C-alpha atoms as a PDB file:
ATOM      1  CA  UNK A   1       0.000   0.000   0.000  1.00  0.00           C
ATOM      2  CA  UNK A   2       2.825   2.437   0.714  1.00  0.00           C
ATOM      3  CA  UNK A   3       4.906   2.054  -2.456  1.00  0.00           C
ATOM      4  CA  UNK A   4       2.536   4.271  -4.489  1.00  0.00           C
ATOM      5  CA  UNK A   5       2.642   7.226  -2.092  1.00  0.00           C
ATOM      6  CA  UNK A   6       6.365   6.711  -1.511  1.00  0.00           C
ATOM      7  CA  UNK A   7       7.034   6.903  -5.247  1.00  0.00           C
ATOM      8  CA  UNK A   8       5.022  10.118  -5.403  1.00  0.00           C
ATOM      9  CA  UNK A   9       6.859  11.547  -2.377  1.00  0.00           C
ATOM     10  CA  UNK A  10      10.255  10.643  -3.838  1.00  0.00           C
ATOM     11  CA  UNK A  11       9.521  12.129  -7.257  1.00  0.00           C
ATOM     12  CA  UNK A  12       8.081  15.312  -5.762  1.00  0.00           C
ATOM     13  CA  UNK A  13      11.111  15.684  -3.480  1.00  0.00           C
ATOM     14  CA  UNK A  14      13.550  15.265  -6.348  1.00  0.00           C
ATOM     15  CA  UNK A  15      11.569  17.834  -8.350  1.00  0.00           C
ATOM     16  CA  UNK A  16      11.551  20.284  -5.424  1.00  0.00           C
ATOM     17  CA  UNK A  17      15.253  19.838  -4.671  1.00  0.00           C
ATOM     18  CA  UNK A  18      16.262  19.907  -8.343  1.00  0.00           C
ATOM     19  CA  UNK A  19      18.824  17.204  -7.787  1.00  0.00           C
ATOM     20  CA  UNK A  20      19.091  15.035  -4.715  1.00  0.00           C
ATOM     21  CA  UNK A  21      20.858  11.989  -3.337  1.00  0.00           C
ATOM     22  CA  UNK A  22      19.001   9.255  -1.468  1.00  0.00           C
ATOM     23  CA  UNK A  23      19.576  10.343   2.117  1.00  0.00           C
ATOM     24  CA  UNK A  24      18.778  13.955   1.224  1.00  0.00           C
ATOM     25  CA  UNK A  25      15.493  12.777  -0.313  1.00  0.00           C
ATOM     26  CA  UNK A  26      14.609  10.835   2.834  1.00  0.00           C
ATOM     27  CA  UNK A  27      15.295  13.831   5.075  1.00  0.00           C
ATOM     28  CA  UNK A  28      13.324  16.171   2.800  1.00  0.00           C
ATOM     29  CA  UNK A  29      10.254  13.921   2.900  1.00  0.00           C
ATOM     30  CA  UNK A  30      10.466  13.536   6.668  1.00  0.00           C
ATOM     31  CA  UNK A  31      10.817  17.295   7.148  1.00  0.00           C
ATOM     32  CA  UNK A  32       7.966  18.197   4.759  1.00  0.00           C
ATOM     33  CA  UNK A  33       5.682  15.669   6.497  1.00  0.00           C
ATOM     34  CA  UNK A  34       6.443  17.158   9.894  1.00  0.00           C
ATOM     35  CA  UNK A  35       7.952  13.826  10.891  1.00  0.00           C
ATOM     36  CA  UNK A  36       4.742  11.914  10.144  1.00  0.00           C
ATOM     37  CA  UNK A  37       6.408   9.936   7.345  1.00  0.00           C
ATOM     38  CA  UNK A  38       9.439   7.896   8.346  1.00  0.00           C
ATOM     39  CA  UNK A  39      11.305   6.435   5.402  1.00  0.00           C
ATOM     40  CA  UNK A  40      14.172   3.989   5.420  1.00  0.00           C
ATOM     41  CA  UNK A  41      16.938   3.514   2.905  1.00  0.00           C
ATOM     42  CA  UNK A  42      15.691  -0.039   2.368  1.00  0.00           C
ATOM     43  CA  UNK A  43      12.489   1.516   1.003  1.00  0.00           C
ATOM     44  CA  UNK A  44      13.886   4.507  -0.870  1.00  0.00           C
ATOM     45  CA  UNK A  45      16.956   3.101  -2.639  1.00  0.00           C
ATOM     46  CA  UNK A  46      15.134   0.298  -4.502  1.00  0.00           C
ATOM     47  CA  UNK A  47      12.537   2.839  -5.692  1.00  0.00           C
ATOM     48  CA  UNK A  48      15.302   5.204  -6.843  1.00  0.00           C
ATOM     49  CA  UNK A  49      17.019   2.360  -8.720  1.00  0.00           C
ATOM     50  CA  UNK A  50      13.746   1.306 -10.349  1.00  0.00           C
ATOM     51  CA  UNK A  51      12.910   4.870 -11.409  1.00  0.00           C
ATOM     52  CA  UNK A  52      16.434   5.348 -12.749  1.00  0.00           C
ATOM     53  CA  UNK A  53      16.365   2.039 -14.646  1.00  0.00           C
ATOM     54  CA  UNK A  54      13.048   3.038 -16.252  1.00  0.00           C
ATOM     55  CA  UNK A  55      14.367   6.493 -17.220  1.00  0.00           C
ATOM     56  CA  UNK A  56      11.998   8.359 -14.931  1.00  0.00           C
ATOM     57  CA  UNK A  57      15.021   9.655 -13.067  1.00  0.00           C
ATOM     58  CA  UNK A  58      18.529  10.357 -14.337  1.00  0.00           C
ATOM     59  CA  UNK A  59      21.454   9.651 -12.020  1.00  0.00           C
ATOM     60  CA  UNK A  60      25.028  10.872 -11.831  1.00  0.00           C
ATOM     61  CA  UNK A  61      27.873  10.615  -9.359  1.00  0.00           C
ATOM     62  CA  UNK A  62      29.389  13.716  -7.752  1.00  0.00           C
ATOM     63  CA  UNK A  63      32.120  14.239  -5.211  1.00  0.00           C
ATOM     64  CA  UNK A  64      31.089  15.009  -1.666  1.00  0.00           C
ATOM     65  CA  UNK A  65      32.779  17.558   0.560  1.00  0.00           C
ATOM     66  CA  UNK A  66      32.602  14.996   3.344  1.00  0.00           C
ATOM     67  CA  UNK A  67      32.939  11.299   2.651  1.00  0.00           C
ATOM     68  CA  UNK A  68      32.432   9.197  -0.431  1.00  0.00           C
ATOM     69  CA  UNK A  69      30.948  10.395  -3.739  1.00  0.00           C
ATOM     70  CA  UNK A  70      27.160  10.553  -3.846  1.00  0.00           C
ATOM     71  CA  UNK A  71      24.722   9.409  -6.482  1.00  0.00           C
ATOM     72  CA  UNK A  72      22.392  12.259  -7.370  1.00  0.00           C
ATOM     73  CA  UNK A  73      19.041  12.000  -9.124  1.00  0.00           C
ATOM     74  CA  UNK A  74      17.131  14.435 -11.329  1.00  0.00           C
ATOM     75  CA  UNK A  75      13.764  14.134 -13.057  1.00  0.00           C
ATOM     76  CA  UNK A  76      13.795  13.297 -16.756  1.00  0.00           C
ATOM     77  CA  UNK A  77      11.143  14.629 -19.134  1.00  0.00           C
ATOM     78  CA  UNK A  78       9.341  11.287 -18.749  1.00  0.00           C
ATOM     79  CA  UNK A  79       9.736  11.656 -14.987  1.00  0.00           C
ATOM     80  CA  UNK A  80       7.973  15.025 -15.073  1.00  0.00           C
ATOM     81  CA  UNK A  81       5.079  13.421 -16.957  1.00  0.00           C
ATOM     82  CA  UNK A  82       4.905  10.528 -14.483  1.00  0.00           C
ATOM     83  CA  UNK A  83       4.932  12.950 -11.539  1.00  0.00           C
ATOM     84  CA  UNK A  84       2.124  15.010 -13.104  1.00  0.00           C
ATOM     85  CA  UNK A  85       0.091  11.829 -13.671  1.00  0.00           C
ATOM     86  CA  UNK A  86       0.650  10.622 -10.091  1.00  0.00           C
ATOM     87  CA  UNK A  87      -0.334  14.029  -8.706  1.00  0.00           C
ATOM     88  CA  UNK A  88      -3.550  14.047 -10.767  1.00  0.00           C
ATOM     89  CA  UNK A  89      -4.361  10.500  -9.640  1.00  0.00           C
ATOM     90  CA  UNK A  90      -3.643  11.368  -6.002  1.00  0.00           C
ATOM     91  CA  UNK A  91      -5.852  14.472  -6.086  1.00  0.00           C
ATOM     92  CA  UNK A  92      -8.712  12.568  -7.714  1.00  0.00           C
ATOM     93  CA  UNK A  93      -8.389   9.720  -5.212  1.00  0.00           C
ATOM     94  CA  UNK A  94      -8.405  12.244  -2.354  1.00  0.00           C
ATOM     95  CA  UNK A  95     -11.654  13.814  -3.608  1.00  0.00           C
ATOM     96  CA  UNK A  96     -13.310  10.428  -4.077  1.00  0.00           C
ATOM     97  CA  UNK A  97     -12.120   9.242  -0.659  1.00  0.00           C
ATOM     98  CA  UNK A  98     -13.531  12.337   1.056  1.00  0.00           C
ATOM     99  CA  UNK A  99     -16.928  11.838  -0.576  1.00  0.00           C
ATOM    100  CA  UNK A 100     -17.052   8.182   0.409  1.00  0.00           C
ATOM    101  CA  UNK A 101     -15.797   8.718   3.957  1.00  0.00           C
ATOM    102  CA  UNK A 102     -18.094  11.683   4.611  1.00  0.00           C
ATOM    103  CA  UNK A 103     -21.115   9.763   3.454  1.00  0.00           C
ATOM    104  CA  UNK A 104     -24.352  11.339   2.337  1.00  0.00           C
ATOM    105  CA  UNK A 105     -25.784  13.613   5.024  1.00  0.00           C
ATOM    106  CA  UNK A 106     -29.278  13.069   3.587  1.00  0.00           C
ATOM    107  CA  UNK A 107     -29.319   9.286   3.919  1.00  0.00           C
END
C-alpha cells in the first residue's frame, strides 16, 4: 500500500530539490511531512534504482565535501510526466475518498 505514495513523495522531493541523493530525499520527505512519514533507505533506494532504470530519473555521481561520492538524481522529461500523472491521480483519489468517507448527510 505504501509504495505508491512513496514513489510520489520521492519524485516530488527530487523535483523540489532539483537534484538530490538518497539520504537527502529521505530527510526532505520527513521534514515536509512534519515527521509523520518515516522512510528507510531499504524503502527509498530500490525505488530510486527502479525509477532510474526506467528512465523516470537520471542519475550521476558527484564528489562530496565529506565522505564518499554521492549518487544524485534528477527528473527526466518522462519523470515530469509521471509525476504530473501521479499528482492528478492522487488528487482525484483524495476527492473520491472524502466523498465516500463523509457519506451522504441526507441518507
